[in-house]
Amino acid sequence: MGSIPITRSKQLRRRPALQWPPFLSFRRGPGGAMASKIVLGWREWIALPELGIERLRAKVDSGARSSALHVDTQWRFTERGSPWVGFCLSPGHGASVIEAAAPVFDEREVTDSGGHCTRRVFVRTTLAVAGIEREIEINLSDRRGMLFPMLLGRTALARAFTVDPGRSFLHGRLSRREPGVISRPAAPGEALPFPTQPPHRRPS
């Protein structure tokens, strides 16, 4: 009986070192079946199509529990009796300001890496990265002074992704032709799938 694991160990050593694509990782799932996870670098281009954000640099941090999106300003309003949050952000240098809105999913205390605790609004929206789309929770925060406007935490990565902290941008820059990714914010007067900021609520 003791010779069986030794024999298997020798067989594994003879296999090629790169037997899987470098952006896939494999693990044992329920019942012993092999399940794959997509490998992300510690920096990746992501999209938030439901919010009109076609490209955004994100820091992928499995040490952070929740995901955070920088917003320049945010405001609250009620839509059909339900609480909503509107917000504005600039996705990058020289990019147009994007105005979006979403139902409030939750409000929770969040402690940042510096130990400061603040109460933040959470929304649920679709994340697009590495050819995958999934719904995640995002809290809205002021990330001015940070290198990345988006922080992708471990709850957004769960069961689908793993992180290689020594690599970056493994999946390139998102294409305008990629399905499910909005290539631009809505034009003036164009109908949106959610209410934007009412004129009388526009911050000064």
Protein backbone atom coordinates (compact mmCIF):
# COMPACT_ATOMS: atom_id res chain seq x y z
CA MET A 1 0.00 0.00 0.00
CA GLY A 2 2.87 2.37 0.76
CA SER A 3 4.28 2.11 -2.75
CA ILE A 4 1.16 3.48 -4.47
CA PRO A 5 1.60 7.21 -3.62
CA ILE A 6 5.33 6.98 -4.43
CA THR A 7 4.59 5.61 -7.91
CA ARG A 8 2.00 8.33 -8.57
CA SER A 9 4.43 11.00 -7.45
CA LYS A 10 6.99 9.83 -10.03
CA GLN A 11 4.36 9.90 -12.78
CA LEU A 12 3.39 13.48 -11.95
CA ARG A 13 7.02 14.62 -12.25
CA ARG A 14 7.19 13.39 -15.84
CA ARG A 15 4.30 15.61 -16.96
CA PRO A 16 5.07 18.90 -18.77
CA ALA A 17 5.45 21.87 -16.45
CA LEU A 18 2.88 23.97 -18.36
CA GLN A 19 -0.01 21.60 -18.85
CA TRP A 20 -2.74 24.26 -18.49
CA PRO A 21 -3.16 27.73 -20.00
CA PRO A 22 -1.42 30.26 -17.69
CA PHE A 23 -4.69 32.05 -16.98
CA LEU A 24 -6.46 28.96 -15.58
CA SER A 25 -6.16 27.33 -12.18
CA PHE A 26 -7.70 24.00 -11.18
CA ARG A 27 -9.05 22.75 -7.84
CA ARG A 28 -11.12 19.86 -6.54
CA GLY A 29 -14.83 20.62 -6.44
CA PRO A 30 -17.70 18.69 -4.78
CA GLY A 31 -17.40 14.97 -5.40
CA GLY A 32 -13.73 15.27 -6.32
CA ALA A 33 -14.40 16.75 -9.79
CA MET A 34 -11.88 19.23 -11.15
CA ALA A 35 -13.19 22.80 -11.31
CA SER A 36 -11.32 25.66 -12.96
CA LYS A 37 -10.78 29.20 -11.76
CA ILE A 38 -9.63 32.07 -13.94
CA VAL A 39 -6.37 33.64 -12.82
CA LEU A 40 -6.32 37.43 -12.53
CA GLY A 41 -3.30 39.65 -12.07
CA TRP A 42 -3.15 42.09 -9.18
CA ARG A 43 -4.16 44.77 -11.71
CA GLU A 44 -6.82 44.22 -14.37
CA TRP A 45 -9.08 46.16 -16.73
CA ILE A 46 -12.72 45.67 -15.78
CA ALA A 47 -16.09 47.01 -16.92
CA LEU A 48 -19.33 47.82 -15.12
CA PRO A 49 -21.72 47.75 -18.09
CA GLU A 50 -24.94 48.45 -16.19
CA LEU A 51 -23.38 51.69 -14.93
CA GLY A 52 -22.11 52.72 -18.37
CA ILE A 53 -18.45 52.17 -17.45
CA GLU A 54 -16.70 50.52 -20.38
CA ARG A 55 -13.14 50.40 -19.04
CA LEU A 56 -11.73 50.90 -15.57
CA ARG A 57 -8.41 49.99 -14.01
CA ALA A 58 -8.95 47.92 -10.90
CA LYS A 59 -6.71 46.67 -8.14
CA VAL A 60 -7.50 43.02 -7.42
CA ASP A 61 -7.06 42.48 -3.70
CA SER A 62 -8.07 39.20 -2.07
CA GLY A 63 -7.11 40.75 1.28
CA ALA A 64 -10.05 43.16 1.05
CA ARG A 65 -13.46 41.68 1.73
CA SER A 66 -15.65 44.08 -0.26
CA SER A 67 -15.24 45.89 -3.57
CA ALA A 68 -15.16 49.69 -3.74
CA LEU A 69 -15.78 52.16 -6.56
CA HIS A 70 -14.56 55.75 -6.45
CA VAL A 71 -17.25 58.38 -6.95
CA ASP A 72 -16.71 62.13 -7.12
CA THR A 73 -20.11 62.83 -5.62
CA GLN A 74 -23.23 60.90 -4.64
CA TRP A 75 -26.78 61.74 -3.66
CA ARG A 76 -29.89 59.90 -2.50
CA PHE A 77 -33.42 59.91 -3.91
CA THR A 78 -36.54 57.76 -3.93
CA GLU A 79 -37.82 55.93 -7.01
CA ARG A 80 -41.27 54.30 -6.75
CA GLY A 81 -40.96 54.19 -2.99
CA SER A 82 -37.51 52.55 -2.97
CA PRO A 83 -34.20 54.18 -1.99
CA TRP A 84 -31.80 54.87 -4.85
CA VAL A 85 -28.35 56.42 -5.03
CA GLY A 86 -27.04 58.57 -7.87
CA PHE A 87 -23.38 59.29 -8.41
CA CYS A 88 -20.81 60.85 -10.74
CA LEU A 89 -17.32 59.62 -11.50
CA SER A 90 -14.48 60.12 -13.96
CA PRO A 91 -13.17 56.67 -15.01
CA GLY A 92 -9.74 58.01 -15.99
CA HIS A 93 -7.62 60.99 -16.95
CA GLY A 94 -9.28 62.87 -19.80
CA ALA A 95 -12.38 60.65 -19.72
CA SER A 96 -15.88 62.08 -19.73
CA VAL A 97 -17.73 62.26 -16.44
CA ILE A 98 -20.21 59.40 -16.09
CA GLU A 99 -23.47 59.90 -14.21
CA ALA A 100 -25.27 56.77 -13.05
CA ALA A 101 -27.82 55.56 -10.53
CA ALA A 102 -28.77 52.27 -8.90
CA PRO A 103 -31.05 50.94 -6.16
CA VAL A 104 -29.51 50.98 -2.71
CA PHE A 105 -28.76 47.36 -1.80
CA ASP A 106 -27.40 47.94 1.69
CA GLU A 107 -25.58 50.33 4.01
CA ARG A 108 -22.72 48.99 6.12
CA GLU A 109 -19.71 50.07 8.14
CA VAL A 110 -16.48 49.50 6.18
CA THR A 111 -12.98 49.69 7.64
CA ASP A 112 -10.30 50.75 5.15
CA SER A 113 -6.64 49.70 5.08
CA GLY A 114 -5.77 52.63 7.34
CA GLY A 115 -8.17 51.47 10.04
CA HIS A 116 -10.75 54.21 9.41
CA CYS A 117 -14.37 53.08 9.66
CA THR A 118 -17.05 54.78 7.55
CA ARG A 119 -20.64 53.96 6.68
CA ARG A 120 -21.01 53.31 2.94
CA VAL A 121 -23.78 52.67 0.46
CA PHE A 122 -23.67 49.32 -1.36
CA VAL A 123 -25.16 48.62 -4.79
CA ARG A 124 -25.36 45.43 -6.85
CA THR A 125 -24.24 45.55 -10.46
CA THR A 126 -22.64 43.43 -13.18
CA LEU A 127 -18.87 43.05 -13.29
CA ALA A 128 -17.22 42.14 -16.61
CA VAL A 129 -13.64 40.85 -16.48
CA ALA A 130 -11.68 38.15 -18.33
CA GLY A 131 -14.67 37.37 -20.54
CA ILE A 132 -16.88 36.64 -17.51
CA GLU A 133 -19.88 38.61 -16.29
CA ARG A 134 -21.24 38.20 -12.76
CA GLU A 135 -23.27 40.27 -10.32
CA ILE A 136 -21.31 41.69 -7.41
CA GLU A 137 -21.71 44.10 -4.50
CA ILE A 138 -19.85 47.42 -4.66
CA ASN A 139 -19.62 50.16 -2.06
CA LEU A 140 -19.34 53.77 -3.18
CA SER A 141 -16.43 55.66 -1.66
CA ASP A 142 -14.03 58.55 -2.11
CA ARG A 143 -10.80 57.03 -3.43
CA ARG A 144 -9.12 60.27 -4.45
CA GLY A 145 -5.40 59.93 -3.95
CA MET A 146 -5.53 56.19 -4.65
CA LEU A 147 -3.84 54.73 -7.73
CA PHE A 148 -6.92 52.75 -8.74
CA PRO A 149 -10.52 54.01 -8.92
CA MET A 150 -11.79 50.47 -8.34
CA LEU A 151 -10.88 47.89 -5.72
CA LEU A 152 -12.00 44.32 -6.44
CA GLY A 153 -12.34 42.37 -3.18
CA ARG A 154 -12.55 38.67 -2.42
CA THR A 155 -16.36 38.46 -2.31
CA ALA A 156 -16.40 39.45 -5.99
CA LEU A 157 -13.74 36.83 -6.75
CA ALA A 158 -15.28 33.94 -4.83
CA ARG A 159 -15.62 30.60 -6.66
CA ALA A 160 -14.65 32.08 -10.03
CA PHE A 161 -11.23 33.74 -9.80
CA THR A 162 -7.87 33.40 -8.16
CA VAL A 163 -5.12 36.03 -8.03
CA ASP A 164 -1.47 35.87 -9.09
CA PRO A 165 0.08 38.80 -7.15
CA GLY A 166 3.20 38.75 -9.32
CA ARG A 167 1.41 39.46 -12.60
CA SER A 168 -0.68 42.28 -14.08
CA PHE A 169 -3.27 42.77 -16.83
CA LEU A 170 -3.40 39.11 -17.83
CA HIS A 171 -6.55 39.67 -19.87
CA GLY A 172 -5.60 42.85 -21.70
CA ARG A 173 -7.71 45.94 -22.25
CA LEU A 174 -11.45 45.47 -22.72
CA SER A 175 -12.60 45.85 -26.32
CA ARG A 176 -15.46 48.06 -27.42
CA ARG A 177 -16.76 45.08 -29.38
CA GLU A 178 -16.85 42.76 -26.39
CA PRO A 179 -20.43 41.52 -25.84
CA GLY A 180 -22.21 42.89 -22.82
CA VAL A 181 -19.92 45.89 -22.38
CA ILE A 182 -21.36 49.34 -22.93
CA SER A 183 -18.92 51.31 -25.06
CA ARG A 184 -20.00 54.79 -23.96
CA PRO A 185 -22.21 56.63 -21.49
CA ALA A 186 -25.69 57.53 -22.66
CA ALA A 187 -25.97 60.52 -24.98
CA PRO A 188 -27.93 63.59 -23.82
CA GLY A 189 -31.65 62.82 -24.02
CA GLU A 190 -31.09 59.08 -24.54
CA ALA A 191 -33.28 56.80 -22.45
CA LEU A 192 -31.47 54.99 -19.64
CA PRO A 193 -32.49 51.80 -17.81
CA PHE A 194 -32.42 53.72 -14.53
CA PRO A 195 -33.34 57.24 -13.38
CA THR A 196 -30.48 59.72 -13.43
CA GLN A 197 -30.06 62.58 -11.04
CA PRO A 198 -33.14 64.84 -11.00
CA PRO A 199 -32.30 68.45 -12.01
CA HIS A 200 -33.48 69.82 -8.67
CA ARG A 201 -31.19 67.38 -6.84
CA ARG A 202 -28.05 68.17 -8.82
CA PRO A 203 -25.22 69.07 -6.42
CA SER A 204 -23.54 72.45 -6.77
